[in-house]
Amino acid sequence: MTGQGASGNRRPNVLFIIADQLRADHLGFGGNGTVRTPHLDALAARSIVFGNATVANPTCMPNRASLMTGRWPSAHGTRCNGITLDPLTQTVPGSLAAGGYRTVGVGKLHHQNMGWEFEPHQAEEIRATDPMLLDAAAGDARRHAFPAGWDQWENREAHDERFIALPSDYYGYQHVDLVIGHGDRPGGHYVHWARERGVDPETLGGPGNSSNRYGGWDQVYQTAIPAEVHPTSYVSEKAIEHLKDAAGQDQPFFMFVSFPDPHHPFSPPTGYSGLYDPAAMPLPLGFDQDHEASPAHVRDMIEHRGEPNPDPTMTWAATEEQYRNAAAAQYGLITMMDEHIGRILDELDRQGLAEDTIVVFTSDHGDLFGDHGLMLKHFVHYRAVTNVPLVLHIPGRPPGRTEALVSSADVAPTLLELTGSRGYRGIQGRSLVPLLEGATEQHRDALLVEEEQPFGLPGLPGPVRMRTVITPEGRLTRYFGTDLAELYDHRTDPGELTNRAGDPAFAELEDRLLRTMLEEMAALTDEGTAPTAAA
């Protein structure tokens, strides 16, 4: 099918749908028996489902960049949130645009900073451990010699003040309908769309305007924003508009449709906030597990169960009540998103585009969501955070499921091959086409996950540099610069409930995984500029 659609007479379109902070098993086809996702389940039933899809980095900006470049964060440079992706970076939409595709981004991109500052305690720690870091951004901007404002296209405050159209070649996108942030009052082009409909998200959204908010965590409430003016509705409406525009045209399209949900705050609108009963939410894996052997920062969270981190994006340990209320709200958001994805897929079919369109569905990373007693993300690499849904529908290809180890970075070279598009130097991901064609059942022997943060937590001083290697037999995580490590034997402990790092009985497994980690890290070393001569 390379270079052609299912009908054989044109290059295939690509509809790339992505959720924000959605773990693989918070979907019906992912094995969840509570949440209702009929449209995504139907898509999965006619697609290839990757049961062991793993992020290159369990954080928004780094993994979104990996999805679009096919490179790990240590290579593409967006190593953590807060590092704007280099505008000269080669991307999938850029490659497709150069080959004649119409490239459109709808929703949250997060290739540049949104303008959020570090929390005061984080900034204080950064100044104490890396005082040059906070001044580095200005120096980087000067060194790049890009026009003033090159890194401000996704600045939330600027978009709130006026409508700002993005450049016609924004990381390869020729047109962008932008959402900045999460929840019921994000910024970007969405704000102006909502205001045109008589709703100002800034004044009507948020927990302060909610008539039904959960008192145990300010990230859980029913939004006052009507469902028809919710960010999820904006994303689907714009996507449908672009599908209508694409119908009947000879030019193939690449459309990146990015929902900012179900990332916290978990604030579903009326009609979705009461779909699920908190009391009916089953407790997840290891909610009350013994963390005696866990790293110090995880033990500290458990000791402060019920106390959210001062930074609302950071990992913390929830009570049963907090978890159940958050899960019920998040499931409402997931069901709402599923309905709108169904509308987009229906429009794809209605416009006669389905037979020539590859459909991808995935997430940028997961969410602990109660597993091991923890919530949200950062500083831990349990499966709930690293395992994401990945569905690939190719017209004419039979459906199936594979448990092969695959990475988010593998999506880019796969799409380039399926569309017959030109690749570029530096891609580290591996095309999934051999798996899709049945030429192999194994894709990787091991997967590397990266995470870096300029600050730390109690029990884990910053800056933090984590590396995780995952194989069928286990998982090893090293916190470089400390003596902290995690080791799990997947043969006897698939749920990763007991840390075996340093246990003599598991020394051989730890040694094997450490050697594998070093091999994977060496393989991902950025090759930089290619040599042009022997010397």
Protein backbone atom coordinates (compact mmCIF):
# COMPACT_ATOMS: atom_id res chain seq x y z
CA MET A 1 0.00 0.00 0.00
CA THR A 2 3.03 2.27 0.20
CA GLY A 3 2.26 5.49 -1.60
CA GLN A 4 -1.28 4.50 -2.50
CA GLY A 5 -4.69 4.42 -0.88
CA ALA A 6 -6.89 1.36 -0.59
CA SER A 7 -8.33 2.17 -4.02
CA GLY A 8 -4.82 2.15 -5.45
CA ASN A 9 -5.08 5.49 -7.27
CA ARG A 10 -3.90 8.01 -4.69
CA ARG A 11 -1.72 8.40 -1.65
CA PRO A 12 -3.71 7.75 1.53
CA ASN A 13 -5.00 10.44 3.82
CA VAL A 14 -4.00 10.29 7.48
CA LEU A 15 -6.40 11.10 10.31
CA PHE A 16 -4.33 11.12 13.50
CA ILE A 17 -6.50 11.35 16.64
CA ILE A 18 -4.82 11.80 20.00
CA ALA A 19 -6.08 12.12 23.57
CA ASP A 20 -4.23 13.84 26.39
CA GLN A 21 -3.15 11.86 29.46
CA LEU A 22 -5.18 8.73 28.70
CA ARG A 23 -3.91 5.34 29.83
CA ALA A 24 -4.52 2.30 27.63
CA ASP A 25 -6.87 0.50 30.01
CA HIS A 26 -9.28 3.41 30.50
CA LEU A 27 -11.04 2.36 27.30
CA GLY A 28 -13.47 -0.44 26.59
CA PHE A 29 -11.19 -2.15 24.05
CA GLY A 30 -8.35 -1.76 26.54
CA GLY A 31 -10.13 -4.09 28.93
CA ASN A 32 -12.07 -1.59 31.04
CA GLY A 33 -15.52 -2.89 31.91
CA THR A 34 -16.83 0.34 33.43
CA VAL A 35 -16.13 3.19 31.01
CA ARG A 36 -18.28 3.35 27.86
CA THR A 37 -16.34 4.01 24.62
CA PRO A 38 -18.43 2.38 21.85
CA HIS A 39 -17.01 4.40 18.95
CA LEU A 40 -13.37 3.79 19.82
CA ASP A 41 -14.19 0.15 20.50
CA ALA A 42 -15.70 -0.10 17.03
CA LEU A 43 -12.61 1.52 15.50
CA ALA A 44 -10.36 -0.91 17.38
CA ALA A 45 -12.45 -3.85 16.16
CA ARG A 46 -11.56 -3.06 12.53
CA SER A 47 -7.95 -2.03 13.20
CA ILE A 48 -4.63 -3.29 14.49
CA VAL A 49 -4.43 -2.76 18.25
CA PHE A 50 -1.00 -2.54 19.88
CA GLY A 51 -1.33 -3.82 23.43
CA ASN A 52 2.20 -2.90 24.48
CA ALA A 53 2.56 0.60 23.06
CA THR A 54 4.94 2.52 25.30
CA VAL A 55 5.86 6.19 25.40
CA ALA A 56 9.33 7.51 24.74
CA ASN A 57 8.69 9.89 27.64
CA PRO A 58 5.62 9.97 29.93
CA THR A 59 5.17 13.75 29.65
CA CYS A 60 3.19 15.95 27.23
CA MET A 61 5.72 18.02 25.30
CA PRO A 62 8.51 15.44 25.03
CA ASN A 63 6.33 12.57 23.83
CA ARG A 64 4.28 14.70 21.46
CA ALA A 65 7.56 15.73 19.88
CA SER A 66 8.60 12.07 19.68
CA LEU A 67 5.34 11.15 17.96
CA MET A 68 5.92 13.83 15.33
CA THR A 69 9.67 13.33 14.83
CA GLY A 70 10.34 9.63 15.44
CA ARG A 71 13.10 10.61 17.85
CA TRP A 72 13.59 10.27 21.59
CA PRO A 73 13.62 13.47 23.69
CA SER A 74 17.37 13.26 24.30
CA ALA A 75 17.75 13.59 20.52
CA HIS A 76 15.03 16.06 19.52
CA GLY A 77 15.82 18.27 22.51
CA THR A 78 12.43 18.69 24.19
CA ARG A 79 13.58 16.66 27.18
CA CYS A 80 10.85 17.92 29.52
CA ASN A 81 7.88 20.24 29.55
CA GLY A 82 9.02 23.82 29.16
CA ILE A 83 11.49 23.27 26.29
CA THR A 84 10.08 24.59 23.03
CA LEU A 85 10.65 22.23 20.10
CA ASP A 86 13.29 23.56 17.72
CA PRO A 87 11.39 25.05 14.76
CA LEU A 88 13.94 23.56 12.36
CA THR A 89 13.11 20.05 13.57
CA GLN A 90 11.97 17.72 10.81
CA THR A 91 8.52 16.28 11.45
CA VAL A 92 5.95 13.96 9.91
CA PRO A 93 3.61 16.79 8.86
CA GLY A 94 6.59 18.67 7.43
CA SER A 95 7.66 15.69 5.37
CA LEU A 96 4.13 15.05 4.14
CA ALA A 97 3.60 18.72 3.30
CA ALA A 98 6.80 18.70 1.25
CA GLY A 99 5.37 15.72 -0.64
CA GLY A 100 2.13 17.43 -1.55
CA TYR A 101 -0.11 16.79 1.44
CA ARG A 102 -2.45 19.34 2.98
CA THR A 103 -1.44 19.35 6.66
CA VAL A 104 -3.82 20.51 9.39
CA GLY A 105 -3.54 20.59 13.17
CA VAL A 106 -6.69 20.80 15.30
CA GLY A 107 -6.63 21.11 19.08
CA LYS A 108 -3.71 20.90 21.47
CA LEU A 109 -0.27 20.75 19.83
CA HIS A 110 2.01 21.77 22.74
CA HIS A 111 5.15 22.07 20.66
CA GLN A 112 5.87 25.39 22.36
CA ASN A 113 5.51 26.64 25.91
CA MET A 114 2.09 27.77 27.07
CA GLY A 115 3.56 30.38 29.42
CA TRP A 116 3.16 28.63 32.78
CA GLU A 117 5.81 29.55 35.31
CA PHE A 118 7.57 27.18 37.70
CA GLU A 119 5.99 26.88 41.11
CA PRO A 120 7.92 29.06 43.63
CA HIS A 121 9.39 26.06 45.48
CA GLN A 122 10.50 24.55 42.15
CA ALA A 123 12.18 27.76 41.04
CA GLU A 124 13.94 27.97 44.41
CA GLU A 125 15.31 24.45 44.04
CA ILE A 126 16.43 25.12 40.46
CA ARG A 127 18.31 28.24 41.56
CA ALA A 128 20.05 26.19 44.26
CA THR A 129 21.02 23.27 42.01
CA ASP A 130 21.35 24.79 38.52
CA PRO A 131 21.31 28.59 38.75
CA MET A 132 22.06 29.01 35.05
CA LEU A 133 18.97 27.11 33.94
CA LEU A 134 16.45 29.86 34.57
CA ASP A 135 18.48 32.25 32.41
CA ALA A 136 19.07 29.73 29.63
CA ALA A 137 15.92 30.44 27.61
CA ALA A 138 16.97 33.96 26.67
CA GLY A 139 20.41 32.74 25.68
CA ASP A 140 18.96 29.95 23.54
CA ALA A 141 16.67 32.40 21.77
CA ARG A 142 19.59 34.70 20.95
CA ARG A 143 21.72 31.81 19.74
CA HIS A 144 19.03 30.57 17.36
CA ALA A 145 18.85 33.97 15.64
CA PHE A 146 15.16 33.43 14.87
CA PRO A 147 12.84 36.45 14.58
CA ALA A 148 11.57 37.87 17.86
CA GLY A 149 8.61 35.89 19.15
CA TRP A 150 9.62 32.67 17.38
CA ASP A 151 8.85 30.69 20.55
CA GLN A 152 5.62 32.46 21.58
CA TRP A 153 3.06 31.00 19.17
CA GLU A 154 1.36 28.94 21.88
CA ASN A 155 1.52 31.52 24.65
CA ARG A 156 -1.79 31.35 26.48
CA GLU A 157 -1.93 34.98 27.61
CA ALA A 158 -1.29 36.39 24.13
CA HIS A 159 -4.06 34.29 22.58
CA ASP A 160 -6.52 35.38 25.26
CA GLU A 161 -6.03 39.02 24.25
CA ARG A 162 -6.54 38.61 20.49
CA PHE A 163 -6.87 36.01 17.77
CA ILE A 164 -3.42 34.99 16.55
CA ALA A 165 -3.20 32.91 13.38
CA LEU A 166 -0.26 30.53 13.41
CA PRO A 167 2.33 30.57 10.59
CA SER A 168 1.57 28.62 7.43
CA ASP A 169 4.47 26.25 8.14
CA TYR A 170 4.18 25.63 11.87
CA TYR A 171 6.30 22.53 12.46
CA GLY A 172 4.95 21.31 9.12
CA TYR A 173 1.30 22.28 9.66
CA GLN A 174 -0.12 24.56 7.00
CA HIS A 175 -3.17 25.41 9.13
CA VAL A 176 -3.81 25.15 12.87
CA ASP A 177 -6.97 25.53 14.96
CA LEU A 178 -5.31 25.78 18.35
CA VAL A 179 -6.23 24.80 21.89
CA ILE A 180 -3.80 25.77 24.65
CA GLY A 181 -4.07 23.91 27.95
CA HIS A 182 -6.63 21.57 29.44
CA GLY A 183 -9.94 21.29 31.20
CA ASP A 184 -12.92 23.57 30.68
CA ARG A 185 -11.12 26.86 30.12
CA PRO A 186 -8.09 26.38 27.89
CA GLY A 187 -6.80 29.14 25.63
CA GLY A 188 -5.92 29.53 21.98
CA HIS A 189 -8.32 29.82 19.07
CA TYR A 190 -10.90 27.92 21.12
CA VAL A 191 -11.46 30.98 23.34
CA HIS A 192 -12.50 33.18 20.44
CA TRP A 193 -14.76 30.44 19.03
CA ALA A 194 -16.48 30.14 22.42
CA ARG A 195 -16.85 33.91 22.80
CA GLU A 196 -18.56 34.04 19.40
CA ARG A 197 -21.12 31.66 20.90
CA GLY A 198 -21.74 33.86 23.91
CA VAL A 199 -19.52 31.97 26.36
CA ASP A 200 -16.30 33.32 27.86
CA PRO A 201 -14.45 30.28 29.27
CA GLU A 202 -12.30 32.48 31.48
CA THR A 203 -15.27 33.91 33.36
CA LEU A 204 -17.61 30.90 33.23
CA GLY A 205 -15.16 28.02 33.60
CA GLY A 206 -13.22 26.76 36.58
CA PRO A 207 -14.22 25.27 39.93
CA GLY A 208 -15.34 28.63 41.29
CA ASN A 209 -18.25 28.74 38.86
CA SER A 210 -19.27 25.12 39.36
CA SER A 211 -22.58 24.24 41.00
CA ASN A 212 -21.30 20.73 41.67
CA ARG A 213 -17.69 20.42 42.70
CA TYR A 214 -15.96 17.79 44.76
CA GLY A 215 -14.50 19.30 47.91
CA GLY A 216 -11.72 16.74 48.28
CA TRP A 217 -9.70 17.92 45.28
CA ASP A 218 -10.04 21.15 43.34
CA GLN A 219 -9.32 19.30 40.08
CA VAL A 220 -12.72 17.55 40.15
CA TYR A 221 -15.91 19.48 39.36
CA GLN A 222 -18.78 19.85 36.93
CA THR A 223 -18.04 22.72 34.59
CA ALA A 224 -20.54 25.49 33.95
CA ILE A 225 -19.42 25.52 30.30
CA PRO A 226 -22.24 23.99 28.19
CA ALA A 227 -21.38 20.75 26.40
CA GLU A 228 -21.89 22.33 22.98
CA VAL A 229 -19.22 24.98 23.75
CA HIS A 230 -16.81 22.63 25.49
CA PRO A 231 -13.25 22.31 24.08
CA THR A 232 -14.05 18.75 22.99
CA SER A 233 -16.92 20.10 20.87
CA TYR A 234 -14.61 22.72 19.35
CA VAL A 235 -12.07 20.08 18.32
CA SER A 236 -14.65 17.85 16.65
CA GLU A 237 -16.42 20.76 14.93
CA LYS A 238 -13.19 22.02 13.40
CA ALA A 239 -12.11 18.53 12.37
CA ILE A 240 -15.44 17.96 10.64
CA GLU A 241 -15.11 21.30 8.82
CA HIS A 242 -11.73 20.24 7.46
CA LEU A 243 -13.08 16.84 6.37
CA LYS A 244 -15.82 18.59 4.42
CA ASP A 245 -13.20 20.81 2.78
CA ALA A 246 -11.11 17.76 1.87
CA ALA A 247 -13.96 15.90 0.18
CA GLY A 248 -13.63 15.76 -3.58
CA GLN A 249 -10.10 17.18 -3.63
CA ASP A 250 -7.22 15.38 -5.28
CA GLN A 251 -4.76 16.56 -2.63
CA PRO A 252 -4.36 14.04 0.22
CA PHE A 253 -4.47 15.34 3.78
CA PHE A 254 -2.75 14.77 7.10
CA MET A 255 -4.96 15.91 9.97
CA PHE A 256 -3.78 15.87 13.58
CA VAL A 257 -6.88 15.97 15.81
CA SER A 258 -5.81 16.50 19.41
CA PHE A 259 -8.31 16.49 22.28
CA PRO A 260 -7.09 18.24 25.45
CA ASP A 261 -9.10 15.73 27.52
CA PRO A 262 -9.19 13.66 29.66
CA HIS A 263 -6.21 15.48 31.21
CA HIS A 264 -7.04 17.08 34.56
CA PRO A 265 -8.83 19.13 35.71
CA PHE A 266 -11.54 16.50 35.46
CA SER A 267 -14.42 18.85 34.73
CA PRO A 268 -17.12 17.27 32.55
CA PRO A 269 -20.13 19.38 31.54
CA THR A 270 -23.77 18.74 32.36
CA GLY A 271 -24.85 15.54 30.69
CA TYR A 272 -21.52 13.84 31.30
CA SER A 273 -20.69 14.74 34.91
CA GLY A 274 -23.24 12.30 36.31
CA LEU A 275 -22.77 9.39 33.92
CA TYR A 276 -20.69 7.40 36.40
CA ASP A 277 -21.25 6.77 40.10
CA PRO A 278 -18.10 7.33 42.20
CA ALA A 279 -19.19 4.55 44.55
CA ALA A 280 -19.14 2.11 41.63
CA MET A 281 -15.52 2.81 40.70
CA PRO A 282 -13.46 -0.28 41.52
CA LEU A 283 -10.16 0.30 43.26
CA PRO A 284 -7.25 -0.18 40.85
CA LEU A 285 -4.10 -2.25 40.96
CA GLY A 286 -2.12 -1.99 44.18
CA PHE A 287 -4.11 0.90 45.60
CA ASP A 288 -3.23 -0.14 49.16
CA GLN A 289 0.01 -1.95 48.40
CA ASP A 290 3.00 -2.04 50.73
CA HIS A 291 5.55 0.52 49.47
CA GLU A 292 8.26 -0.43 51.95
CA ALA A 293 10.70 -1.24 49.13
CA SER A 294 9.65 1.65 46.87
CA PRO A 295 11.87 4.71 46.33
CA ALA A 296 11.89 7.35 49.04
CA HIS A 297 9.87 9.90 47.05
CA VAL A 298 7.07 7.37 46.49
CA ARG A 299 7.03 6.46 50.19
CA ASP A 300 6.81 10.14 51.04
CA MET A 301 3.72 10.52 48.83
CA ILE A 302 2.06 7.54 50.51
CA GLU A 303 2.85 8.98 53.93
CA HIS A 304 0.98 12.13 52.86
CA ARG A 305 -1.95 10.34 51.27
CA GLY A 306 -4.81 12.70 50.54
CA GLU A 307 -2.57 15.76 50.11
CA PRO A 308 -2.25 16.90 46.47
CA ASN A 309 1.12 18.28 45.42
CA PRO A 310 1.30 22.12 45.44
CA ASP A 311 1.96 21.80 41.70
CA PRO A 312 -1.39 20.51 40.34
CA THR A 313 0.38 18.50 37.61
CA MET A 314 2.57 16.42 39.94
CA THR A 315 2.17 12.89 41.26
CA TRP A 316 0.54 12.41 44.67
CA ALA A 317 -1.26 9.72 46.69
CA ALA A 318 -5.06 9.84 46.83
CA THR A 319 -7.60 8.50 49.29
CA GLU A 320 -10.28 6.09 48.11
CA GLU A 321 -12.83 8.89 48.05
CA GLN A 322 -10.58 11.21 46.07
CA TYR A 323 -9.79 8.48 43.57
CA ARG A 324 -13.41 7.42 43.08
CA ASN A 325 -14.66 10.96 42.48
CA ALA A 326 -11.85 11.72 40.06
CA ALA A 327 -12.37 8.46 38.16
CA ALA A 328 -16.11 9.07 37.76
CA ALA A 329 -15.42 12.55 36.38
CA GLN A 330 -12.65 11.37 34.07
CA TYR A 331 -14.81 8.57 32.68
CA GLY A 332 -17.45 11.17 31.83
CA LEU A 333 -14.86 13.13 29.86
CA ILE A 334 -13.71 9.97 28.09
CA THR A 335 -17.25 9.07 27.05
CA MET A 336 -17.83 12.60 25.78
CA MET A 337 -14.61 12.46 23.77
CA ASP A 338 -15.61 9.05 22.40
CA GLU A 339 -18.92 10.47 21.15
CA HIS A 340 -17.14 13.27 19.32
CA ILE A 341 -14.60 10.89 17.82
CA GLY A 342 -17.59 8.94 16.57
CA ARG A 343 -18.89 12.10 14.88
CA ILE A 344 -15.55 12.68 13.19
CA LEU A 345 -15.37 9.10 11.92
CA ASP A 346 -18.97 9.28 10.72
CA GLU A 347 -18.12 12.44 8.76
CA LEU A 348 -15.06 10.75 7.28
CA ASP A 349 -17.37 8.05 5.94
CA ARG A 350 -20.12 10.49 4.91
CA GLN A 351 -17.66 12.46 2.78
CA GLY A 352 -16.47 9.31 0.99
CA LEU A 353 -12.98 9.57 2.50
CA ALA A 354 -12.88 6.49 4.73
CA GLU A 355 -11.67 4.07 2.06
CA ASP A 356 -8.61 6.23 1.42
CA THR A 357 -7.77 7.25 4.99
CA ILE A 358 -5.42 5.74 7.54
CA VAL A 359 -6.75 6.37 11.05
CA VAL A 360 -4.48 6.48 14.08
CA PHE A 361 -5.64 6.76 17.68
CA THR A 362 -3.27 7.12 20.61
CA SER A 363 -2.45 9.24 23.67
CA ASP A 364 0.60 11.30 24.57
CA HIS A 365 1.02 9.46 27.90
CA GLY A 366 -0.99 7.75 30.61
CA ASP A 367 -2.10 8.61 34.13
CA LEU A 368 -1.41 6.67 37.32
CA PHE A 369 -5.06 7.10 38.26
CA GLY A 370 -4.98 5.15 41.50
CA ASP A 371 -2.57 2.41 40.47
CA HIS A 372 -0.17 1.86 43.39
CA GLY A 373 -2.22 4.46 45.30
CA LEU A 374 -0.94 7.32 43.13
CA MET A 375 -2.47 9.93 40.81
CA LEU A 376 -1.36 11.85 37.71
CA LYS A 377 2.24 11.53 36.43
CA HIS A 378 5.93 12.46 36.78
CA PHE A 379 8.78 10.80 38.68
CA VAL A 380 7.43 7.23 38.37
CA HIS A 381 7.31 4.83 35.41
CA TYR A 382 4.58 2.40 36.33
CA ARG A 383 2.73 0.90 33.36
CA ALA A 384 -0.31 3.13 33.93
CA VAL A 385 1.82 6.12 32.87
CA THR A 386 3.94 4.55 30.14
CA ASN A 387 1.40 2.27 28.40
CA VAL A 388 -0.83 4.15 25.95
CA PRO A 389 -3.56 3.11 23.54
CA LEU A 390 -2.38 2.71 19.96
CA VAL A 391 -4.80 1.80 17.19
CA LEU A 392 -3.90 1.81 13.51
CA HIS A 393 -6.63 1.38 10.91
CA ILE A 394 -5.52 0.84 7.33
CA PRO A 395 -8.29 0.38 4.77
CA GLY A 396 -8.22 -3.10 3.34
CA ARG A 397 -6.02 -4.53 6.09
CA PRO A 398 -7.55 -7.20 8.34
CA PRO A 399 -7.96 -6.30 12.02
CA GLY A 400 -5.89 -7.87 14.76
CA ARG A 401 -3.96 -7.36 17.95
CA THR A 402 -0.28 -7.58 18.72
CA GLU A 403 1.53 -7.62 22.05
CA ALA A 404 4.86 -6.69 20.46
CA LEU A 405 6.86 -4.01 22.25
CA VAL A 406 6.44 -0.75 20.29
CA SER A 407 7.28 2.87 21.05
CA SER A 408 5.56 6.17 20.37
CA ALA A 409 8.66 7.00 18.32
CA ASP A 410 7.76 4.15 15.94
CA VAL A 411 4.61 5.93 14.75
CA ALA A 412 6.45 8.54 12.66
CA PRO A 413 8.46 6.17 10.42
CA THR A 414 5.37 3.98 10.06
CA LEU A 415 3.29 6.85 8.68
CA LEU A 416 6.08 7.99 6.41
CA GLU A 417 6.34 4.51 4.93
CA LEU A 418 2.60 3.98 4.58
CA THR A 419 2.19 7.30 2.77
CA GLY A 420 5.23 6.83 0.55
CA SER A 421 6.75 9.97 2.02
CA ARG A 422 10.39 10.83 2.23
CA GLY A 423 12.11 10.08 5.50
CA TYR A 424 14.84 12.17 7.06
CA ARG A 425 18.10 11.62 8.83
CA GLY A 426 17.96 11.00 12.56
CA ILE A 427 14.75 8.97 12.85
CA GLN A 428 15.26 6.52 15.72
CA GLY A 429 11.87 4.83 15.67
CA ARG A 430 11.30 1.67 13.67
CA SER A 431 8.48 1.32 11.17
CA LEU A 432 5.65 -0.95 12.26
CA VAL A 433 4.91 -2.00 8.68
CA PRO A 434 6.57 -5.44 9.05
CA LEU A 435 4.24 -6.11 12.00
CA LEU A 436 1.25 -4.86 10.02
CA GLU A 437 2.11 -7.09 7.08
CA GLY A 438 2.61 -10.14 9.27
CA ALA A 439 6.27 -10.46 8.32
CA THR A 440 7.19 -10.64 12.01
CA GLU A 441 5.52 -10.97 15.39
CA GLN A 442 8.32 -9.29 17.33
CA HIS A 443 9.28 -5.67 16.90
CA ARG A 444 11.69 -4.87 19.72
CA ASP A 445 13.51 -6.85 22.40
CA ALA A 446 13.52 -3.85 24.74
CA LEU A 447 12.13 -0.33 25.08
CA LEU A 448 13.74 2.72 26.62
CA VAL A 449 11.73 5.40 28.43
CA GLU A 450 13.30 8.75 29.27
CA GLU A 451 12.27 11.40 31.78
CA GLU A 452 14.06 14.52 32.95
CA GLN A 453 12.90 17.26 35.31
CA PRO A 454 14.80 20.36 36.43
CA PHE A 455 13.38 20.02 39.96
CA GLY A 456 12.65 17.18 42.35
CA LEU A 457 10.39 16.05 45.17
CA PRO A 458 10.90 15.19 48.84
CA GLY A 459 13.08 12.09 48.72
CA LEU A 460 14.24 12.76 45.15
CA PRO A 461 16.45 15.82 44.73
CA GLY A 462 16.51 17.65 41.43
CA PRO A 463 17.52 17.86 38.72
CA VAL A 464 16.09 14.41 37.99
CA ARG A 465 17.29 12.17 35.17
CA MET A 466 15.39 8.89 34.89
CA ARG A 467 15.88 6.07 32.43
CA THR A 468 13.73 2.95 32.24
CA VAL A 469 14.21 -0.19 30.21
CA ILE A 470 11.29 -2.54 29.65
CA THR A 471 11.53 -6.10 28.36
CA PRO A 472 9.13 -9.03 28.49
CA GLU A 473 10.90 -10.28 31.61
CA GLY A 474 11.08 -7.10 33.64
CA ARG A 475 11.49 -3.38 34.15
CA LEU A 476 14.50 -1.50 35.49
CA THR A 477 14.43 2.21 36.34
CA ARG A 478 17.52 4.15 37.34
CA TYR A 479 17.46 7.61 38.90
CA PHE A 480 20.86 8.82 37.76
CA GLY A 481 22.80 10.92 40.23
CA THR A 482 21.29 8.95 43.13
CA ASP A 483 21.48 5.38 44.39
CA LEU A 484 17.75 4.90 43.72
CA ALA A 485 16.57 2.13 41.43
CA GLU A 486 13.48 0.06 40.75
CA LEU A 487 13.45 -3.51 39.51
CA TYR A 488 10.35 -5.58 38.74
CA ASP A 489 10.19 -9.18 37.59
CA HIS A 490 7.35 -9.36 35.07
CA ARG A 491 7.39 -13.15 35.15
CA THR A 492 6.31 -13.31 38.80
CA ASP A 493 5.09 -9.75 39.40
CA PRO A 494 3.46 -8.36 36.21
CA GLY A 495 1.70 -5.66 38.24
CA GLU A 496 5.02 -4.27 39.53
CA LEU A 497 3.97 -4.44 43.16
CA THR A 498 7.36 -5.27 44.72
CA ASN A 499 10.60 -3.44 43.99
CA ARG A 500 13.44 -5.99 43.80
CA ALA A 501 16.33 -3.59 43.18
CA GLY A 502 19.34 -4.66 45.23
CA ASP A 503 17.76 -8.00 46.16
CA PRO A 504 20.47 -10.68 45.74
CA ALA A 505 17.85 -13.17 44.58
CA PHE A 506 17.20 -10.96 41.55
CA ALA A 507 20.79 -9.87 40.88
CA GLU A 508 21.01 -11.71 37.55
CA LEU A 509 17.82 -10.07 36.27
CA GLU A 510 19.03 -6.65 37.41
CA ASP A 511 22.38 -7.17 35.70
CA ARG A 512 20.75 -8.26 32.43
CA LEU A 513 18.39 -5.31 32.41
CA LEU A 514 21.18 -2.87 33.29
CA ARG A 515 23.24 -4.11 30.34
CA THR A 516 20.17 -3.84 28.12
CA MET A 517 19.58 -0.29 29.34
CA LEU A 518 23.13 0.69 28.44
CA GLU A 519 22.75 -0.83 24.97
CA GLU A 520 19.48 1.01 24.38
CA MET A 521 20.90 4.31 25.63
CA ALA A 522 23.93 3.93 23.36
CA ALA A 523 21.68 3.15 20.40
CA LEU A 524 19.77 6.39 20.99
CA THR A 525 22.79 8.66 21.12
CA ASP A 526 22.11 11.63 18.89
CA GLU A 527 24.32 11.38 15.82
CA GLY A 528 24.21 15.12 15.28
CA THR A 529 25.77 16.46 12.12
CA ALA A 530 26.80 13.82 9.59
CA PRO A 531 30.56 13.61 8.81
CA THR A 532 31.53 14.90 5.38
CA ALA A 533 35.09 13.57 5.28
CA ALA A 534 37.48 11.28 7.14
CA ALA A 535 39.12 14.22 8.84
